[in-house]
Protein backbone atom coordinates (compact mmCIF):
# COMPACT_ATOMS: atom_id res chain seq x y z
CA UNK A 1 -55.29 -54.96 24.66
CA UNK A 2 -57.98 -52.55 23.85
CA UNK A 3 -59.08 -51.01 20.58
CA UNK A 4 -60.26 -47.39 20.73
CA UNK A 5 -63.34 -46.07 18.91
CA UNK A 6 -63.23 -43.84 15.80
CA UNK A 7 -63.93 -40.18 16.39
CA UNK A 8 -65.31 -37.60 13.98
CA UNK A 9 -65.89 -33.83 14.20
CA UNK A 10 -63.82 -30.79 14.99
CA UNK A 11 -61.42 -30.94 12.04
CA UNK A 12 -58.53 -28.99 13.56
CA UNK A 13 -55.05 -30.02 12.61
CA UNK A 14 -53.15 -32.13 15.16
CA UNK A 15 -49.65 -30.79 14.85
CA UNK A 16 -47.48 -31.06 17.98
CA UNK A 17 -45.89 -28.15 19.81
CA UNK A 18 -42.24 -27.28 20.38
CA UNK A 19 -40.70 -29.73 22.77
CA UNK A 20 -41.62 -28.33 26.16
CA UNK A 21 -40.18 -24.94 25.46
CA UNK A 22 -41.17 -21.57 26.75
CA UNK A 23 -44.52 -19.75 27.29
CA UNK A 24 -45.86 -20.97 23.95
CA UNK A 25 -46.08 -24.46 25.23
CA UNK A 26 -49.67 -25.70 25.37
CA UNK A 27 -51.74 -28.83 26.13
CA UNK A 28 -54.76 -30.63 25.10
CA UNK A 29 -57.28 -31.98 27.65
CA UNK A 30 -59.32 -35.06 28.31
CA UNK A 31 -62.14 -34.71 30.87
CA UNK A 32 -63.52 -37.87 32.42
CA UNK A 33 -67.25 -37.60 32.70
CA UNK A 34 -68.82 -41.06 31.96
CA UNK A 35 -69.85 -42.05 35.55
CA UNK A 36 -73.55 -42.41 36.48
CA UNK A 37 -73.20 -41.15 40.13
CA UNK A 38 -75.43 -43.69 41.77
CA UNK A 39 -74.83 -42.08 45.23
CA UNK A 40 -76.21 -38.77 44.04
CA UNK A 41 -79.67 -40.39 44.48
CA UNK A 42 -80.89 -38.74 41.28
CA UNK A 43 -81.73 -39.85 37.74
CA UNK A 44 -79.55 -36.95 36.40
CA UNK A 45 -76.00 -37.90 35.24
CA UNK A 46 -73.66 -36.67 37.89
CA UNK A 47 -71.69 -34.23 35.79
CA UNK A 48 -75.04 -32.47 34.98
CA UNK A 49 -75.85 -31.64 38.48
CA UNK A 50 -75.60 -27.84 38.88
CA UNK A 51 -73.02 -25.93 40.90
CA UNK A 52 -73.75 -22.22 41.06
CA UNK A 53 -76.46 -22.53 38.40
CA UNK A 54 -74.51 -24.44 35.70
CA UNK A 55 -73.71 -28.19 35.29
CA UNK A 56 -70.59 -29.19 37.25
CA UNK A 57 -68.93 -30.33 34.06
CA UNK A 58 -68.94 -26.63 32.90
CA UNK A 59 -66.40 -25.71 35.60
CA UNK A 60 -64.00 -28.41 34.54
CA UNK A 61 -64.22 -27.37 30.91
CA UNK A 62 -63.80 -23.73 31.92
CA UNK A 63 -60.71 -24.45 34.03
CA UNK A 64 -59.11 -26.29 31.16
CA UNK A 65 -59.87 -23.59 28.62
CA UNK A 66 -58.56 -20.74 31.00
CA UNK A 67 -55.42 -22.72 31.77
CA UNK A 68 -54.53 -22.58 28.01
CA UNK A 69 -55.89 -25.86 26.66
CA UNK A 70 -56.20 -26.50 22.98
CA UNK A 71 -58.56 -29.25 22.09
CA UNK A 72 -60.81 -30.40 24.93
CA UNK A 73 -62.17 -34.00 24.63
CA UNK A 74 -64.83 -35.04 27.18
CA UNK A 75 -65.43 -38.89 27.79
CA UNK A 76 -69.10 -39.51 28.43
CA UNK A 77 -71.19 -42.63 29.02
CA UNK A 78 -74.32 -42.39 31.26
CA UNK A 79 -76.85 -40.11 29.51
CA UNK A 80 -74.41 -39.40 26.82
CA UNK A 81 -76.98 -37.83 24.45
CA UNK A 82 -78.30 -35.63 27.16
CA UNK A 83 -74.84 -34.35 27.93
CA UNK A 84 -74.17 -33.65 24.33
CA UNK A 85 -77.38 -31.76 24.05
CA UNK A 86 -76.55 -29.65 27.11
CA UNK A 87 -73.30 -28.53 25.58
CA UNK A 88 -74.44 -28.24 21.97
CA UNK A 89 -72.59 -25.44 20.30
CA UNK A 90 -69.60 -25.44 22.56
CA UNK A 91 -66.08 -26.11 21.30
CA UNK A 92 -65.87 -29.52 22.75
CA UNK A 93 -65.39 -32.99 21.34
CA UNK A 94 -67.29 -35.87 22.95
CA UNK A 95 -66.29 -39.55 22.80
CA UNK A 96 -68.26 -42.28 24.47
CA UNK A 97 -67.25 -44.96 26.82
CA UNK A 98 -69.91 -47.62 26.34
CA UNK A 99 -68.69 -50.06 28.91
CA UNK A 100 -67.56 -48.80 32.26
CA UNK A 101 -64.31 -50.57 32.68
CA UNK A 102 -62.25 -48.00 34.59
CA UNK A 103 -60.51 -44.74 34.21
CA UNK A 104 -57.69 -46.25 32.03
CA UNK A 105 -60.33 -47.64 29.56
CA UNK A 106 -62.08 -44.26 29.62
CA UNK A 107 -58.94 -42.44 28.57
CA UNK A 108 -58.34 -44.91 25.80
CA UNK A 109 -61.64 -43.95 24.19
CA UNK A 110 -60.15 -40.59 23.36
CA UNK A 111 -57.12 -42.00 21.41
CA UNK A 112 -58.38 -41.33 17.91
CA UNK A 113 -59.07 -37.54 18.90
CA UNK A 114 -55.33 -37.28 19.74
CA UNK A 115 -53.90 -39.10 16.68
CA UNK A 116 -50.91 -37.09 15.36
CA UNK A 117 -50.67 -34.99 18.52
CA UNK A 118 -47.40 -35.26 20.33
CA UNK A 119 -47.78 -32.73 23.20
CA UNK A 120 -48.96 -32.90 26.75
CA UNK A 121 -52.34 -34.10 27.71
CA UNK A 122 -54.09 -32.79 30.84
CA UNK A 123 -56.46 -35.25 32.39
CA UNK A 124 -59.27 -33.66 34.49
CA UNK A 125 -62.43 -34.97 36.22
CA UNK A 126 -65.82 -33.69 35.27
CA UNK A 127 -67.05 -34.16 38.88
CA UNK A 128 -64.32 -31.85 40.31
CA UNK A 129 -65.90 -28.45 39.80
CA UNK A 130 -63.75 -26.42 42.24
CA UNK A 131 -60.53 -26.92 40.30
CA UNK A 132 -59.01 -23.56 39.47
CA UNK A 133 -57.40 -22.75 36.11
CA UNK A 134 -54.33 -21.55 38.08
CA UNK A 135 -53.94 -25.00 39.62
CA UNK A 136 -54.12 -26.67 36.19
CA UNK A 137 -51.63 -24.27 34.77
CA UNK A 138 -49.30 -24.83 37.76
CA UNK A 139 -49.57 -28.59 37.14
CA UNK A 140 -48.57 -28.14 33.47
CA UNK A 141 -45.75 -25.74 34.30
CA UNK A 142 -44.20 -28.16 36.73
CA UNK A 143 -44.65 -31.02 34.26
CA UNK A 144 -42.75 -28.91 31.63
CA UNK A 145 -40.07 -27.64 34.03
CA UNK A 146 -39.35 -31.17 35.24
CA UNK A 147 -39.35 -32.67 31.76
CA UNK A 148 -41.67 -35.30 33.13
CA UNK A 149 -43.61 -37.93 31.24
CA UNK A 150 -46.28 -38.11 34.00
CA UNK A 151 -47.08 -35.47 36.55
CA UNK A 152 -49.64 -36.29 39.31
CA UNK A 153 -51.66 -33.59 41.02
CA UNK A 154 -51.71 -34.56 44.65
CA UNK A 155 -53.09 -33.25 47.87
CA UNK A 156 -52.95 -33.98 51.62
CA UNK A 157 -56.47 -34.18 53.15
CA UNK A 158 -57.26 -34.38 56.87
CA UNK A 159 -58.57 -37.89 56.31
CA UNK A 160 -56.89 -39.85 53.43
CA UNK A 161 -58.92 -43.08 53.97
CA UNK A 162 -60.61 -44.27 50.74
CA UNK A 163 -58.26 -42.49 48.38
CA UNK A 164 -55.37 -43.72 46.33
CA UNK A 165 -52.01 -43.15 48.07
CA UNK A 166 -48.96 -41.66 46.31
CA UNK A 167 -45.88 -43.77 47.01
CA UNK A 168 -42.63 -41.83 46.50
CA UNK A 169 -38.92 -42.50 46.43
CA UNK A 170 -36.54 -40.70 48.80
CA UNK A 171 -35.78 -38.09 46.18
CA UNK A 172 -39.64 -37.23 45.79
CA UNK A 173 -40.19 -39.09 42.49
CA UNK A 174 -43.46 -40.85 42.25
CA UNK A 175 -43.10 -44.67 42.21
CA UNK A 176 -46.68 -45.77 42.17
CA UNK A 177 -50.25 -44.92 43.09
CA UNK A 178 -52.00 -47.55 45.18
CA UNK A 179 -55.83 -47.62 45.41
CA UNK A 180 -57.04 -47.78 48.99
CA UNK A 181 -58.61 -51.32 48.46
CA UNK A 182 -55.32 -52.58 47.18
CA UNK A 183 -52.98 -50.87 49.69
CA UNK A 184 -51.00 -52.55 52.40
CA UNK A 185 -51.25 -51.32 56.04
CA UNK A 186 -48.05 -49.31 55.59
CA UNK A 187 -49.23 -47.72 52.34
CA UNK A 188 -52.49 -46.65 54.07
CA UNK A 189 -50.46 -44.61 56.51
CA UNK A 190 -49.39 -42.32 53.66
CA UNK A 191 -51.35 -39.09 53.75
CA UNK A 192 -50.52 -37.74 50.26
CA UNK A 193 -53.32 -38.86 47.90
CA UNK A 194 -53.98 -38.87 44.21
CA UNK A 195 -56.54 -36.33 42.96
CA UNK A 196 -57.13 -38.11 39.63
CA UNK A 197 -55.76 -35.16 37.72
CA UNK A 198 -52.58 -35.45 35.68
CA UNK A 199 -50.39 -34.16 32.94
CA UNK A 200 -49.06 -36.89 30.65
CA UNK A 201 -47.11 -36.89 27.39
CA UNK A 202 -49.46 -38.02 24.61
CA UNK A 203 -47.53 -40.79 22.90
CA UNK A 204 -46.69 -42.51 26.16
CA UNK A 205 -50.27 -42.10 27.51
CA UNK A 206 -52.06 -43.95 24.81
CA UNK A 207 -49.48 -46.75 24.47
CA UNK A 208 -49.73 -47.23 28.22
CA UNK A 209 -53.51 -47.35 28.58
CA UNK A 210 -53.72 -49.73 25.63
CA UNK A 211 -51.78 -52.32 27.59
CA UNK A 212 -53.34 -52.01 31.03
CA UNK A 213 -54.41 -55.04 32.94
CA UNK A 214 -57.27 -55.42 35.53
CA UNK A 215 -55.80 -57.66 38.21
CA UNK A 216 -56.96 -55.65 41.14
CA UNK A 217 -59.73 -55.62 43.75
CA UNK A 218 -62.10 -53.76 41.39
CA UNK A 219 -61.16 -55.66 38.23
CA UNK A 220 -60.92 -52.39 36.38
CA UNK A 221 -58.36 -50.86 34.19
CA UNK A 222 -56.81 -48.18 36.40
CA UNK A 223 -55.31 -45.10 34.85
CA UNK A 224 -53.08 -44.88 37.95
CA UNK A 225 -51.12 -47.91 36.67
CA UNK A 226 -49.50 -45.73 34.06
CA UNK A 227 -47.14 -44.41 36.89
CA UNK A 228 -45.63 -47.84 37.40
CA UNK A 229 -45.43 -48.36 33.68
CA UNK A 230 -43.55 -45.15 33.17
CA UNK A 231 -41.07 -46.09 36.04
CA UNK A 232 -40.53 -49.43 34.38
CA UNK A 233 -39.48 -47.67 31.18
CA UNK A 234 -37.15 -45.34 33.10
CA UNK A 235 -39.38 -42.28 32.54
CA UNK A 236 -39.70 -39.42 34.89
CA UNK A 237 -42.78 -39.21 37.12
CA UNK A 238 -43.23 -36.27 39.58
CA UNK A 239 -46.02 -34.73 41.61
CA UNK A 240 -47.50 -31.25 42.01
CA UNK A 241 -49.31 -30.54 45.32
CA UNK A 242 -52.65 -28.79 45.59
CA UNK A 243 -52.51 -26.92 48.84
CA UNK A 244 -56.29 -26.89 49.43
CA UNK A 245 -57.83 -30.29 49.42
CA UNK A 246 -61.23 -28.83 49.00
CA UNK A 247 -60.29 -27.55 45.46
CA UNK A 248 -59.83 -31.05 44.19
CA UNK A 249 -62.82 -32.61 45.96
CA UNK A 250 -64.82 -35.07 43.87
CA UNK A 251 -68.57 -34.86 44.02
CA UNK A 252 -70.24 -38.16 44.82
CA UNK A 253 -73.16 -37.39 47.13
CA UNK A 254 -75.86 -34.66 47.56
CA UNK A 255 -73.99 -33.53 50.66
CA UNK A 256 -70.76 -33.08 48.73
CA UNK A 257 -72.65 -31.28 45.98
CA UNK A 258 -74.09 -28.85 48.66
CA UNK A 259 -70.61 -28.26 50.07
CA UNK A 260 -69.20 -27.46 46.59
CA UNK A 261 -71.88 -24.95 45.91
CA UNK A 262 -71.18 -23.27 49.29
CA UNK A 263 -67.49 -23.20 48.63
CA UNK A 264 -67.93 -21.88 45.09
CA UNK A 265 -70.28 -19.08 46.24
CA UNK A 266 -67.76 -18.21 49.06
CA UNK A 267 -65.18 -17.45 46.47
CA UNK A 268 -67.50 -15.30 44.36
CA UNK A 269 -68.92 -18.11 42.22
CA UNK A 270 -71.95 -17.43 40.07
CA UNK A 271 -73.65 -19.04 37.07
CA UNK A 272 -71.43 -18.34 34.04
CA UNK A 273 -71.08 -19.66 30.47
CA UNK A 274 -67.98 -21.21 29.05
CA UNK A 275 -66.54 -17.83 28.00
CA UNK A 276 -64.09 -17.14 30.80
CA UNK A 277 -66.35 -15.19 33.07
CA UNK A 278 -67.14 -16.03 36.67
CA UNK A 279 -64.83 -17.18 39.50
């Protein structure tokens, strides 16, 4: 089992919110941004590469904020100090993942920042700059409406190869997410994929990631394994579909960065601060 780090700063109270009721329901957010991004062929941390004039991480933070997030916690690793300096003065809490042991381990680093909070946690990716606030809010709304413990944002790309497949029951409930390298031939034929974006109930989330194992092809602690854990406990797991796969495209190469900039510009994107302006 893991032990998460201590976190200091941002002394807001951590009271929970009314149990999934009405328009007042809110969320707190974790944004995963610890990766180096070796395929970017650059010394710059991946989430600092600009999309429409600002670091791509800016767009994920902005989407969370406009979707109604309270506390926003960003998990950083590579060039952690440089990222902190870039966002100095912003209302963001940073925690550091010192060892890159997978997405589940990354989420665990935020545990202390959520101590005492019993509401919903949105988990976003710092390298997915095209995500819209409306999509994040729709994910949360479905999570609340379905009274789910875990809700997975999914999409159906033209080519699902390389992505984690979403395995469902006949009634549409999500049974598990299988990473491409671990999938059977039948599972690889599934077209619906995991985007890496979720809503999860906080008490379950941190209990689950603390108990993850790494018996997989990558020998990493997969956040996706929380889906099976929830099912084993008899908890509800559902999905929310992002209609446009481009919106949830992760940026891993210079070509994908260029494509993201073009798409952002096509929908009126421009350099904007974290104040709610821009696309």
